[in-house]
Amino acid sequence: MEDCLHELYLHLHESRARLGATDNIRFYLYRALRRRLLDTVGRLNKLDSDDYLFDGAEFQIQPYEQTLVEEQLVEQQKLLVITR
């Protein structure tokens, strides 16, 4: 927050020639600080796409027949265990 406040005053100083008059300086400063804080929080919350790369990930989709055969094999093994 202190950094945002410092940046706000620095911005005000640098752009003082372009700023217009205001009726309520307190409201203006609060509003400007609020915007700066929201921008900072937004930047911090963005996900860095480099952290979520799936270079080493392997995805395998098994064919339906292979899944069916494996399920039947498990059922047969259960029957063998129960009958013994």
Protein backbone atom coordinates (compact mmCIF):
# COMPACT_ATOMS: atom_id res chain seq x y z
CA MET A 1 0.00 0.00 0.00
CA GLU A 2 2.84 2.38 0.81
CA ASP A 3 4.34 1.74 -2.63
CA CYS A 4 1.01 2.57 -4.26
CA LEU A 5 0.74 5.77 -2.27
CA HIS A 6 4.28 6.75 -3.23
CA GLU A 7 3.59 5.96 -6.89
CA LEU A 8 0.39 8.02 -6.75
CA TYR A 9 2.17 11.10 -5.43
CA LEU A 10 4.96 10.62 -7.94
CA HIS A 11 2.38 10.39 -10.74
CA LEU A 12 0.62 13.51 -9.46
CA HIS A 13 3.88 15.42 -9.36
CA GLU A 14 4.92 14.32 -12.85
CA SER A 15 1.54 15.08 -14.42
CA ARG A 16 0.72 18.24 -12.43
CA ALA A 17 0.64 20.38 -15.57
CA ARG A 18 -2.08 18.22 -17.16
CA LEU A 19 -4.31 17.85 -14.08
CA GLY A 20 -7.45 19.91 -13.89
CA ALA A 21 -9.03 21.59 -10.90
CA THR A 22 -11.15 19.57 -8.50
CA ASP A 23 -13.81 20.51 -5.98
CA ASN A 24 -12.96 17.79 -3.50
CA ILE A 25 -9.26 16.92 -3.32
CA ARG A 26 -9.80 14.29 -0.61
CA PHE A 27 -12.26 12.37 -2.78
CA TYR A 28 -9.93 12.67 -5.78
CA LEU A 29 -6.95 11.32 -3.84
CA TYR A 30 -8.94 8.44 -2.30
CA ARG A 31 -10.33 7.51 -5.70
CA ALA A 32 -6.90 7.65 -7.39
CA LEU A 33 -5.33 5.56 -4.62
CA ARG A 34 -8.16 3.03 -4.82
CA ARG A 35 -7.63 2.63 -8.59
CA ARG A 36 -3.90 2.23 -8.14
CA LEU A 37 -4.40 -0.41 -5.41
CA LEU A 38 -6.88 -2.36 -7.54
CA ASP A 39 -4.49 -2.29 -10.50
CA THR A 40 -1.67 -3.58 -8.31
CA VAL A 41 -3.79 -6.37 -6.84
CA GLY A 42 -4.99 -7.31 -10.32
CA ARG A 43 -1.43 -7.58 -11.58
CA LEU A 44 -0.43 -9.72 -8.60
CA ASN A 45 -3.36 -12.08 -9.06
CA LYS A 46 -2.74 -12.80 -12.73
CA LEU A 47 -1.42 -16.26 -13.38
CA ASP A 48 2.00 -16.53 -14.88
CA SER A 49 1.53 -18.89 -17.80
CA ASP A 50 5.14 -20.08 -17.57
CA ASP A 51 4.34 -21.72 -14.23
CA TYR A 52 1.61 -23.84 -15.76
CA LEU A 53 3.30 -25.37 -18.77
CA PHE A 54 2.62 -29.03 -19.41
CA ASP A 55 5.88 -29.85 -21.15
CA GLY A 56 6.47 -33.02 -19.17
CA ALA A 57 2.86 -34.14 -18.96
CA GLU A 58 1.72 -37.24 -20.78
CA PHE A 59 -1.92 -37.75 -21.55
CA GLN A 60 -3.16 -41.14 -22.62
CA ILE A 61 -6.65 -41.96 -23.73
CA GLN A 62 -7.30 -45.65 -23.66
CA PRO A 63 -9.54 -47.19 -26.27
CA TYR A 64 -12.94 -48.30 -25.08
CA GLU A 65 -12.18 -51.95 -25.85
CA GLN A 66 -9.10 -51.95 -23.62
CA THR A 67 -11.08 -50.46 -20.73
CA LEU A 68 -13.83 -53.04 -21.23
CA VAL A 69 -11.35 -55.94 -21.27
CA GLU A 70 -9.68 -54.65 -18.07
CA GLU A 71 -13.05 -54.38 -16.32
CA GLN A 72 -13.97 -57.94 -17.37
CA LEU A 73 -10.62 -59.22 -16.12
CA VAL A 74 -11.18 -57.57 -12.72
CA GLU A 75 -14.66 -59.14 -12.52
CA GLN A 76 -13.24 -62.58 -13.34
CA GLN A 77 -10.58 -62.20 -10.68
CA LYS A 78 -13.22 -61.23 -8.09
CA LEU A 79 -15.25 -64.34 -8.99
CA LEU A 80 -12.17 -66.53 -8.58
CA VAL A 81 -11.42 -65.09 -5.16
CA ILE A 82 -15.03 -65.51 -4.00
CA THR A 83 -15.38 -69.12 -5.19
CA ARG A 84 -12.19 -70.32 -3.52
